[in-house]
Amino acid sequence: MFKENCGKTQRIFEKYDAIYQLEPVETECKVSKTLFEYCKRKNHFILLLIYSNDGKVALLRSLTNSLGWELPGGSIRQDETVYEAINRIAKQVYPNVKVCDVEPVLKITNTYVYKDAQTIHHGLGFIARIRNFQDVDMAKMVGDFVDVTKEERAYIERNASKKMVDIFLERFNQICNQTNYCFQD
């Protein structure tokens, strides 16, 4: 009933936005013909920020323009729910990662242009806490859990990822102030 095909994903994205009043991020860029066609077929995606109890963020290596950081993300598959996509994308960080405290925070609209045509790629950004941080073998990660300082933030390339990190840091500080760093509270 809740599989994400036949326009249901768009409606679900609209419901998330209506319920959570998500902060919007919009970008526009030129892309290759192949990427343009891909985004037309897979026009809904998830961006996921996973954090540890001490406020470190799982960042993956990015080699787009230069060495930098990016958040895990990916398209929602045709017969996949948002929940299933979040859990699949979390596995990009580490194969057996488990997340909790999942919160939608961002509505992402990417406009991709090829020649005179354009297509819209819709995304939702979620933040989530890792439940089994102790099980992660840092030597086998593609990236790392990073204390996002101003210097590290400068190496995050995409605007939506930077905005999610900013929202997370604000939320994390609120959580810590309210609970005195005790997530059981």
N, C-alpha and C. Protein backbone atom coordinates (compact mmCIF):
# COMPACT_ATOMS: atom_id res chain seq x y z
N MET A 1 0.81 -1.20 0.00
CA MET A 1 0.00 0.00 0.00
C MET A 1 0.85 1.26 0.00
N PHE A 2 1.99 1.24 0.70
CA PHE A 2 2.80 2.45 0.81
C PHE A 2 4.02 2.43 -0.08
N LYS A 3 4.07 1.57 -1.08
CA LYS A 3 5.21 1.56 -1.99
C LYS A 3 5.23 2.86 -2.78
N GLU A 4 6.43 3.26 -3.16
CA GLU A 4 6.64 4.58 -3.74
C GLU A 4 6.61 4.59 -5.26
N ASN A 5 5.51 4.21 -5.88
CA ASN A 5 5.43 4.31 -7.32
C ASN A 5 4.12 4.98 -7.72
N CYS A 6 3.95 5.22 -8.99
CA CYS A 6 2.70 5.77 -9.53
C CYS A 6 2.33 7.11 -8.92
N GLY A 7 3.29 8.00 -8.71
CA GLY A 7 3.02 9.33 -8.18
C GLY A 7 2.88 9.40 -6.68
N LYS A 8 2.94 8.27 -5.99
CA LYS A 8 2.80 8.28 -4.54
C LYS A 8 3.96 8.98 -3.86
N THR A 9 5.15 8.85 -4.43
CA THR A 9 6.32 9.48 -3.82
C THR A 9 6.13 10.99 -3.76
N GLN A 10 5.67 11.58 -4.85
CA GLN A 10 5.45 13.02 -4.87
C GLN A 10 4.45 13.43 -3.80
N ARG A 11 3.37 12.69 -3.66
CA ARG A 11 2.37 13.00 -2.63
C ARG A 11 2.95 12.86 -1.23
N ILE A 12 3.76 11.83 -1.03
CA ILE A 12 4.38 11.64 0.28
C ILE A 12 5.34 12.79 0.59
N PHE A 13 6.12 13.21 -0.40
CA PHE A 13 7.02 14.35 -0.21
C PHE A 13 6.22 15.60 0.16
N GLU A 14 5.09 15.81 -0.51
CA GLU A 14 4.24 16.97 -0.20
C GLU A 14 3.70 16.89 1.22
N LYS A 15 3.33 15.70 1.66
CA LYS A 15 2.83 15.52 3.03
C LYS A 15 3.91 15.81 4.07
N TYR A 16 5.13 15.30 3.81
CA TYR A 16 6.24 15.61 4.72
C TYR A 16 6.41 17.11 4.84
N ASP A 17 6.40 17.80 3.72
CA ASP A 17 6.59 19.26 3.73
C ASP A 17 5.46 19.95 4.48
N ALA A 18 4.23 19.52 4.26
CA ALA A 18 3.08 20.14 4.94
C ALA A 18 3.13 19.90 6.45
N ILE A 19 3.48 18.70 6.86
CA ILE A 19 3.50 18.37 8.28
C ILE A 19 4.68 19.04 9.00
N TYR A 20 5.87 18.96 8.41
CA TYR A 20 7.08 19.41 9.09
C TYR A 20 7.53 20.81 8.68
N GLN A 21 6.87 21.41 7.69
CA GLN A 21 7.25 22.74 7.20
C GLN A 21 8.76 22.80 6.98
N LEU A 22 9.22 21.96 6.08
CA LEU A 22 10.64 21.78 5.83
C LEU A 22 11.27 23.02 5.19
N GLU A 23 12.48 23.27 5.60
CA GLU A 23 13.23 24.39 5.04
C GLU A 23 13.63 24.04 3.60
N PRO A 24 13.37 24.95 2.65
CA PRO A 24 13.69 24.63 1.25
C PRO A 24 15.13 25.00 0.88
N VAL A 25 15.71 24.19 0.00
CA VAL A 25 16.99 24.48 -0.63
C VAL A 25 16.81 24.22 -2.12
N GLU A 26 17.16 25.21 -2.93
CA GLU A 26 17.01 25.06 -4.38
C GLU A 26 18.34 25.30 -5.07
N THR A 27 18.64 24.46 -6.05
CA THR A 27 19.84 24.64 -6.86
C THR A 27 19.49 24.41 -8.32
N GLU A 28 20.31 24.97 -9.20
CA GLU A 28 20.16 24.74 -10.63
C GLU A 28 21.54 24.58 -11.23
N CYS A 29 21.68 23.59 -12.09
CA CYS A 29 22.97 23.40 -12.76
C CYS A 29 22.80 22.65 -14.07
N LYS A 30 23.79 22.81 -14.93
CA LYS A 30 23.82 22.08 -16.19
C LYS A 30 24.39 20.70 -15.94
N VAL A 31 23.85 19.71 -16.65
CA VAL A 31 24.31 18.34 -16.49
C VAL A 31 24.46 17.70 -17.87
N SER A 32 25.10 16.55 -17.88
CA SER A 32 25.25 15.79 -19.12
C SER A 32 23.91 15.18 -19.53
N LYS A 33 23.84 14.73 -20.77
CA LYS A 33 22.62 14.10 -21.28
C LYS A 33 22.28 12.85 -20.47
N THR A 34 23.29 12.04 -20.15
CA THR A 34 23.05 10.80 -19.41
C THR A 34 22.52 11.09 -18.01
N LEU A 35 23.11 12.05 -17.30
CA LEU A 35 22.64 12.40 -15.97
C LEU A 35 21.24 13.00 -16.03
N PHE A 36 20.99 13.81 -17.05
CA PHE A 36 19.67 14.39 -17.24
C PHE A 36 18.61 13.29 -17.38
N GLU A 37 18.88 12.30 -18.22
CA GLU A 37 17.94 11.19 -18.43
C GLU A 37 17.74 10.38 -17.15
N TYR A 38 18.83 10.17 -16.40
CA TYR A 38 18.74 9.45 -15.13
C TYR A 38 17.81 10.19 -14.17
N CYS A 39 17.99 11.48 -14.05
CA CYS A 39 17.18 12.27 -13.10
C CYS A 39 15.72 12.34 -13.53
N LYS A 40 15.46 12.25 -14.80
CA LYS A 40 14.06 12.18 -15.27
C LYS A 40 13.41 10.88 -14.82
N ARG A 41 14.18 9.79 -14.84
CA ARG A 41 13.64 8.48 -14.42
C ARG A 41 13.55 8.35 -12.91
N LYS A 42 14.51 8.89 -12.20
CA LYS A 42 14.61 8.74 -10.74
C LYS A 42 14.57 10.13 -10.13
N ASN A 43 13.40 10.73 -10.11
CA ASN A 43 13.35 12.14 -9.73
C ASN A 43 13.07 12.41 -8.26
N HIS A 44 13.14 11.40 -7.39
CA HIS A 44 13.00 11.59 -5.95
C HIS A 44 14.17 10.94 -5.24
N PHE A 45 14.73 11.66 -4.28
CA PHE A 45 15.91 11.15 -3.59
C PHE A 45 15.88 11.52 -2.11
N ILE A 46 16.76 10.86 -1.37
CA ILE A 46 16.93 11.10 0.07
C ILE A 46 18.37 11.52 0.31
N LEU A 47 18.55 12.53 1.15
CA LEU A 47 19.86 12.92 1.66
C LEU A 47 19.82 12.66 3.15
N LEU A 48 20.85 12.01 3.68
CA LEU A 48 20.80 11.53 5.07
C LEU A 48 22.03 11.98 5.85
N LEU A 49 21.81 12.64 6.94
CA LEU A 49 22.88 13.01 7.86
C LEU A 49 22.76 12.10 9.08
N ILE A 50 23.79 11.29 9.30
CA ILE A 50 23.83 10.38 10.45
C ILE A 50 24.84 10.92 11.45
N TYR A 51 24.43 11.00 12.71
CA TYR A 51 25.32 11.55 13.73
C TYR A 51 25.47 10.59 14.90
N SER A 52 26.59 10.75 15.61
CA SER A 52 26.86 9.95 16.80
C SER A 52 26.43 10.71 18.04
N ASN A 53 26.40 10.04 19.18
CA ASN A 53 26.00 10.68 20.43
C ASN A 53 26.86 11.88 20.80
N ASP A 54 28.11 11.89 20.34
CA ASP A 54 28.99 13.02 20.66
C ASP A 54 28.96 14.11 19.59
N GLY A 55 28.02 14.02 18.65
CA GLY A 55 27.81 15.09 17.68
C GLY A 55 28.65 15.02 16.43
N LYS A 56 29.33 13.91 16.22
CA LYS A 56 30.10 13.76 14.98
C LYS A 56 29.16 13.30 13.87
N VAL A 57 29.45 13.76 12.65
CA VAL A 57 28.60 13.50 11.49
C VAL A 57 29.31 12.55 10.54
N ALA A 58 28.57 11.56 10.04
CA ALA A 58 29.13 10.63 9.05
C ALA A 58 29.22 11.35 7.71
N LEU A 59 30.44 11.56 7.25
CA LEU A 59 30.69 12.19 5.96
C LEU A 59 31.46 11.23 5.08
N LEU A 60 31.08 11.17 3.82
CA LEU A 60 31.74 10.31 2.86
C LEU A 60 32.69 11.15 2.01
N ARG A 61 33.71 10.51 1.46
CA ARG A 61 34.63 11.21 0.57
C ARG A 61 33.88 11.63 -0.69
N SER A 62 34.23 12.81 -1.18
CA SER A 62 33.69 13.29 -2.44
C SER A 62 34.85 13.65 -3.34
N LEU A 63 34.80 13.19 -4.56
CA LEU A 63 35.87 13.49 -5.52
C LEU A 63 35.32 14.25 -6.72
N THR A 64 34.24 15.03 -6.54
CA THR A 64 33.62 15.69 -7.67
C THR A 64 34.54 16.72 -8.31
N ASN A 65 34.95 17.72 -7.58
CA ASN A 65 35.87 18.74 -8.12
C ASN A 65 37.24 18.61 -7.49
N SER A 66 37.25 18.38 -6.22
CA SER A 66 38.48 18.16 -5.47
C SER A 66 38.11 17.28 -4.29
N LEU A 67 39.09 16.87 -3.51
CA LEU A 67 38.78 16.01 -2.38
C LEU A 67 37.96 16.80 -1.36
N GLY A 68 36.81 16.26 -1.00
CA GLY A 68 35.94 16.94 -0.05
C GLY A 68 35.02 15.94 0.63
N TRP A 69 33.96 16.45 1.23
CA TRP A 69 33.00 15.63 1.97
C TRP A 69 31.63 15.72 1.32
N GLU A 70 30.84 14.67 1.51
CA GLU A 70 29.43 14.70 1.12
C GLU A 70 28.64 13.82 2.08
N LEU A 71 27.35 14.06 2.15
CA LEU A 71 26.45 13.23 2.95
C LEU A 71 25.99 12.05 2.10
N PRO A 72 25.67 10.92 2.73
CA PRO A 72 25.13 9.81 1.96
C PRO A 72 23.75 10.17 1.40
N GLY A 73 23.44 9.64 0.26
CA GLY A 73 22.15 9.91 -0.36
C GLY A 73 21.93 9.01 -1.54
N GLY A 74 20.73 9.08 -2.09
CA GLY A 74 20.43 8.30 -3.27
C GLY A 74 18.96 8.38 -3.63
N SER A 75 18.66 7.94 -4.83
CA SER A 75 17.30 7.95 -5.34
C SER A 75 16.45 6.91 -4.61
N ILE A 76 15.16 7.20 -4.58
CA ILE A 76 14.20 6.23 -4.05
C ILE A 76 13.85 5.29 -5.20
N ARG A 77 13.99 4.03 -4.96
CA ARG A 77 13.69 3.03 -5.99
C ARG A 77 12.19 2.92 -6.20
N GLN A 78 11.81 2.38 -7.35
CA GLN A 78 10.40 2.36 -7.76
C GLN A 78 9.48 1.71 -6.72
N ASP A 79 9.86 0.56 -6.19
CA ASP A 79 8.99 -0.14 -5.24
C ASP A 79 9.54 -0.07 -3.82
N GLU A 80 10.00 1.10 -3.43
CA GLU A 80 10.65 1.28 -2.13
C GLU A 80 9.94 2.41 -1.38
N THR A 81 9.76 2.23 -0.07
CA THR A 81 9.21 3.30 0.75
C THR A 81 10.33 4.25 1.16
N VAL A 82 9.95 5.41 1.67
CA VAL A 82 10.94 6.36 2.18
C VAL A 82 11.73 5.70 3.31
N TYR A 83 11.04 4.98 4.19
CA TYR A 83 11.69 4.28 5.30
C TYR A 83 12.74 3.29 4.79
N GLU A 84 12.37 2.50 3.78
CA GLU A 84 13.31 1.54 3.21
C GLU A 84 14.51 2.24 2.56
N ALA A 85 14.24 3.36 1.89
CA ALA A 85 15.33 4.11 1.26
C ALA A 85 16.29 4.67 2.31
N ILE A 86 15.77 5.18 3.40
CA ILE A 86 16.62 5.72 4.47
C ILE A 86 17.54 4.62 5.00
N ASN A 87 16.98 3.45 5.26
CA ASN A 87 17.80 2.36 5.79
C ASN A 87 18.82 1.86 4.77
N ARG A 88 18.46 1.82 3.50
CA ARG A 88 19.42 1.40 2.46
C ARG A 88 20.54 2.44 2.34
N ILE A 89 20.19 3.70 2.36
CA ILE A 89 21.20 4.75 2.23
C ILE A 89 22.10 4.80 3.46
N ALA A 90 21.55 4.50 4.62
CA ALA A 90 22.37 4.46 5.83
C ALA A 90 23.49 3.43 5.70
N LYS A 91 23.24 2.38 4.95
CA LYS A 91 24.24 1.33 4.75
C LYS A 91 25.44 1.82 3.93
N GLN A 92 25.33 2.97 3.26
CA GLN A 92 26.47 3.55 2.57
C GLN A 92 27.57 3.93 3.57
N VAL A 93 27.15 4.27 4.77
CA VAL A 93 28.11 4.64 5.81
C VAL A 93 28.86 3.40 6.29
N TYR A 94 28.10 2.36 6.57
CA TYR A 94 28.68 1.09 7.03
C TYR A 94 27.61 0.02 6.86
N PRO A 95 27.96 -1.19 6.43
CA PRO A 95 26.95 -2.19 6.06
C PRO A 95 25.91 -2.53 7.13
N ASN A 96 26.27 -2.54 8.40
CA ASN A 96 25.28 -2.95 9.42
C ASN A 96 24.81 -1.78 10.29
N VAL A 97 24.92 -0.56 9.79
CA VAL A 97 24.52 0.60 10.58
C VAL A 97 23.01 0.58 10.84
N LYS A 98 22.65 0.99 12.05
CA LYS A 98 21.25 1.11 12.45
C LYS A 98 21.02 2.53 12.92
N VAL A 99 19.93 3.15 12.45
CA VAL A 99 19.65 4.54 12.82
C VAL A 99 18.34 4.63 13.60
N CYS A 100 18.23 5.70 14.38
CA CYS A 100 17.02 6.00 15.13
C CYS A 100 16.86 7.52 15.19
N ASP A 101 15.84 7.99 15.85
CA ASP A 101 15.59 9.43 15.99
C ASP A 101 15.64 10.13 14.63
N VAL A 102 15.02 9.53 13.64
CA VAL A 102 15.02 10.07 12.28
C VAL A 102 14.07 11.27 12.22
N GLU A 103 14.57 12.38 11.66
CA GLU A 103 13.79 13.61 11.59
C GLU A 103 13.96 14.25 10.22
N PRO A 104 12.85 14.52 9.51
CA PRO A 104 12.97 15.25 8.25
C PRO A 104 13.24 16.73 8.54
N VAL A 105 14.18 17.33 7.80
CA VAL A 105 14.54 18.72 8.07
C VAL A 105 14.62 19.60 6.83
N LEU A 106 14.65 19.01 5.64
CA LEU A 106 14.94 19.81 4.45
C LEU A 106 14.15 19.30 3.25
N LYS A 107 13.67 20.24 2.44
CA LYS A 107 13.06 19.94 1.15
C LYS A 107 14.03 20.47 0.09
N ILE A 108 14.51 19.57 -0.76
CA ILE A 108 15.54 19.92 -1.73
C ILE A 108 14.93 19.88 -3.13
N THR A 109 15.17 20.93 -3.90
CA THR A 109 14.72 20.99 -5.28
C THR A 109 15.92 21.30 -6.15
N ASN A 110 16.34 20.32 -6.93
CA ASN A 110 17.44 20.51 -7.88
C ASN A 110 16.85 20.61 -9.28
N THR A 111 17.17 21.68 -9.97
CA THR A 111 16.76 21.83 -11.36
C THR A 111 17.97 21.51 -12.22
N TYR A 112 17.84 20.49 -13.04
CA TYR A 112 18.93 20.08 -13.92
C TYR A 112 18.59 20.48 -15.35
N VAL A 113 19.57 21.07 -16.01
CA VAL A 113 19.37 21.61 -17.35
C VAL A 113 20.30 20.88 -18.32
N TYR A 114 19.72 20.45 -19.44
CA TYR A 114 20.51 19.91 -20.55
C TYR A 114 20.00 20.58 -21.82
N LYS A 115 20.88 21.33 -22.46
CA LYS A 115 20.52 22.14 -23.64
C LYS A 115 19.34 23.03 -23.27
N ASP A 116 18.20 22.89 -23.96
CA ASP A 116 17.04 23.75 -23.67
C ASP A 116 16.00 23.08 -22.78
N ALA A 117 16.30 21.88 -22.29
CA ALA A 117 15.34 21.14 -21.47
C ALA A 117 15.76 21.20 -20.00
N GLN A 118 14.78 21.03 -19.13
CA GLN A 118 15.08 20.95 -17.70
C GLN A 118 14.20 19.92 -17.03
N THR A 119 14.71 19.37 -15.93
CA THR A 119 13.95 18.43 -15.12
C THR A 119 14.21 18.75 -13.65
N ILE A 120 13.24 18.45 -12.84
CA ILE A 120 13.33 18.73 -11.41
C ILE A 120 13.61 17.42 -10.67
N HIS A 121 14.57 17.46 -9.75
CA HIS A 121 14.92 16.32 -8.90
C HIS A 121 14.54 16.71 -7.48
N HIS A 122 13.56 16.03 -6.90
CA HIS A 122 13.02 16.38 -5.58
C HIS A 122 13.68 15.53 -4.51
N GLY A 123 14.07 16.16 -3.42
CA GLY A 123 14.69 15.42 -2.34
C GLY A 123 14.17 15.81 -0.97
N LEU A 124 14.32 14.89 -0.04
CA LEU A 124 14.05 15.14 1.37
C LEU A 124 15.35 14.90 2.12
N GLY A 125 15.67 15.80 3.04
CA GLY A 125 16.83 15.63 3.89
C GLY A 125 16.41 15.21 5.28
N PHE A 126 17.03 14.15 5.77
CA PHE A 126 16.74 13.63 7.11
C PHE A 126 18.01 13.64 7.96
N ILE A 127 17.84 13.88 9.26
CA ILE A 127 18.94 13.65 10.20
C ILE A 127 18.54 12.45 11.05
N ALA A 128 19.54 11.64 11.42
CA ALA A 128 19.27 10.43 12.19
C ALA A 128 20.47 10.11 13.08
N ARG A 129 20.20 9.59 14.25
CA ARG A 129 21.28 9.20 15.17
C ARG A 129 21.63 7.73 14.94
N ILE A 130 22.91 7.42 14.95
CA ILE A 130 23.35 6.04 14.82
C ILE A 130 23.15 5.33 16.16
N ARG A 131 22.56 4.14 16.10
CA ARG A 131 22.30 3.36 17.32
C ARG A 131 23.45 2.45 17.68
N ASN A 132 24.22 2.02 16.70
CA ASN A 132 25.26 1.01 16.96
C ASN A 132 26.64 1.52 16.55
N PHE A 133 26.98 2.71 17.00
CA PHE A 133 28.27 3.32 16.67
C PHE A 133 29.43 2.41 17.06
N GLN A 134 29.31 1.71 18.18
CA GLN A 134 30.39 0.85 18.67
C GLN A 134 30.68 -0.30 17.71
N ASP A 135 29.76 -0.65 16.82
CA ASP A 135 29.95 -1.75 15.88
C ASP A 135 30.64 -1.33 14.58
N VAL A 136 30.85 -0.05 14.39
CA VAL A 136 31.43 0.45 13.13
C VAL A 136 32.95 0.35 13.18
N ASP A 137 33.51 -0.32 12.20
CA ASP A 137 34.96 -0.42 12.04
C ASP A 137 35.41 0.76 11.20
N MET A 138 35.96 1.79 11.84
CA MET A 138 36.31 3.03 11.15
C MET A 138 37.30 2.81 10.00
N ALA A 139 38.12 1.79 10.09
CA ALA A 139 39.09 1.51 9.03
C ALA A 139 38.40 1.05 7.74
N LYS A 140 37.17 0.54 7.87
CA LYS A 140 36.46 0.03 6.69
C LYS A 140 35.44 1.02 6.13
N MET A 141 35.33 2.20 6.73
CA MET A 141 34.39 3.21 6.24
C MET A 141 34.97 3.91 5.01
N VAL A 142 34.08 4.32 4.11
CA VAL A 142 34.49 5.13 2.97
C VAL A 142 34.82 6.54 3.44
N GLY A 143 34.17 6.99 4.47
CA GLY A 143 34.40 8.31 5.05
C GLY A 143 34.76 8.18 6.51
N ASP A 144 34.19 9.07 7.32
CA ASP A 144 34.50 9.07 8.75
C ASP A 144 33.40 9.80 9.49
N PHE A 145 33.34 9.60 10.79
CA PHE A 145 32.50 10.43 11.65
C PHE A 145 33.35 11.63 12.03
N VAL A 146 32.89 12.82 11.63
CA VAL A 146 33.69 14.03 11.68
C VAL A 146 33.05 15.06 12.60
N ASP A 147 33.89 15.70 13.42
CA ASP A 147 33.46 16.86 14.19
C ASP A 147 33.44 18.01 13.19
N VAL A 148 32.26 18.48 12.82
CA VAL A 148 32.14 19.46 11.74
C VAL A 148 32.46 20.86 12.26
N THR A 149 33.72 21.22 12.09
CA THR A 149 34.18 22.57 12.41
C THR A 149 34.00 23.46 11.18
N LYS A 150 34.31 24.74 11.30
CA LYS A 150 34.24 25.63 10.14
C LYS A 150 35.15 25.15 9.02
N GLU A 151 36.32 24.64 9.39
CA GLU A 151 37.26 24.15 8.38
C GLU A 151 36.68 22.95 7.64
N GLU A 152 36.13 21.98 8.37
CA GLU A 152 35.58 20.79 7.72
C GLU A 152 34.34 21.14 6.89
N ARG A 153 33.50 22.06 7.40
CA ARG A 153 32.31 22.47 6.67
C ARG A 153 32.68 23.08 5.32
N ALA A 154 33.79 23.77 5.25
CA ALA A 154 34.23 24.38 4.00
C ALA A 154 34.50 23.34 2.91
N TYR A 155 34.75 22.10 3.31
CA TYR A 155 35.03 21.03 2.33
C TYR A 155 33.80 20.22 1.97
N ILE A 156 32.64 20.62 2.48
CA ILE A 156 31.38 20.01 2.06
C ILE A 156 30.94 20.78 0.82
N GLU A 157 30.77 20.06 -0.29
CA GLU A 157 30.61 20.73 -1.57
C GLU A 157 29.18 21.15 -1.92
N ARG A 158 28.20 20.38 -1.59
CA ARG A 158 26.83 20.68 -2.03
C ARG A 158 26.10 21.57 -1.03
N ASN A 159 25.31 22.51 -1.58
CA ASN A 159 24.58 23.46 -0.73
C ASN A 159 23.60 22.76 0.20
N ALA A 160 22.89 21.75 -0.30
CA ALA A 160 21.92 21.05 0.55
C ALA A 160 22.62 20.35 1.70
N SER A 161 23.79 19.77 1.45
CA SER A 161 24.54 19.10 2.51
C SER A 161 25.01 20.11 3.56
N LYS A 162 25.48 21.26 3.12
CA LYS A 162 25.91 22.31 4.06
C LYS A 162 24.73 22.76 4.92
N LYS A 163 23.57 22.96 4.29
CA LYS A 163 22.38 23.41 5.01
C LYS A 163 21.95 22.36 6.04
N MET A 164 22.02 21.07 5.66
CA MET A 164 21.65 20.01 6.61
C MET A 164 22.59 19.99 7.80
N VAL A 165 23.88 20.19 7.55
CA VAL A 165 24.85 20.22 8.65
C VAL A 165 24.54 21.39 9.57
N ASP A 166 24.22 22.55 9.01
CA ASP A 166 23.88 23.72 9.84
C ASP A 166 22.64 23.44 10.70
N ILE A 167 21.61 22.87 10.09
CA ILE A 167 20.39 22.53 10.83
C ILE A 167 20.71 21.52 11.92
N PHE A 168 21.50 20.49 11.59
CA PHE A 168 21.87 19.48 12.58
C PHE A 168 22.59 20.10 13.76
N LEU A 169 23.60 20.94 13.50
CA LEU A 169 24.38 21.53 14.59
C LEU A 169 23.48 22.33 15.52
N GLU A 170 22.52 23.05 14.96
CA GLU A 170 21.57 23.81 15.78
C GLU A 170 20.71 22.86 16.62
N ARG A 171 20.17 21.81 15.98
CA ARG A 171 19.32 20.83 16.68
C ARG A 171 20.11 20.07 17.75
N PHE A 172 21.33 19.68 17.41
CA PHE A 172 22.14 18.92 18.35
C PHE A 172 22.44 19.76 19.60
N ASN A 173 22.75 21.03 19.42
CA ASN A 173 22.99 21.90 20.56
C ASN A 173 21.73 22.04 21.42
N GLN A 174 20.56 22.10 20.79
CA GLN A 174 19.30 22.15 21.54
C GLN A 174 19.10 20.87 22.35
N ILE A 175 19.35 19.72 21.71
CA ILE A 175 19.20 18.43 22.40
C ILE A 175 20.13 18.37 23.61
N CYS A 176 21.38 18.75 23.40
CA CYS A 176 22.36 18.68 24.48
C CYS A 176 22.01 19.62 25.63
N ASN A 177 21.52 20.80 25.31
CA ASN A 177 21.13 21.75 26.36
C ASN A 177 19.92 21.27 27.14
N GLN A 178 19.00 20.58 26.48
CA GLN A 178 17.79 20.11 27.15
C GLN A 178 18.01 18.83 27.95
N THR A 179 18.95 18.00 27.54
CA THR A 179 19.11 16.69 28.15
C THR A 179 20.44 16.51 28.87
N ASN A 180 21.28 17.54 28.85
CA ASN A 180 22.60 17.45 29.44
C ASN A 180 23.38 16.25 28.85
N TYR A 181 23.31 16.12 27.52
CA TYR A 181 24.00 15.10 26.73
C TYR A 181 23.53 13.68 27.04
N CYS A 182 22.40 13.51 27.69
CA CYS A 182 21.88 12.17 27.99
C CYS A 182 20.73 11.88 27.04
N PHE A 183 20.96 11.08 26.01
CA PHE A 183 19.94 10.82 24.99
C PHE A 183 18.79 9.99 25.53
N GLN A 184 18.94 9.36 26.69
CA GLN A 184 17.81 8.64 27.28
C GLN A 184 16.74 9.61 27.74
N ASP A 185 17.14 10.83 28.07
CA ASP A 185 16.17 11.85 28.50
C ASP A 185 15.31 12.26 27.32
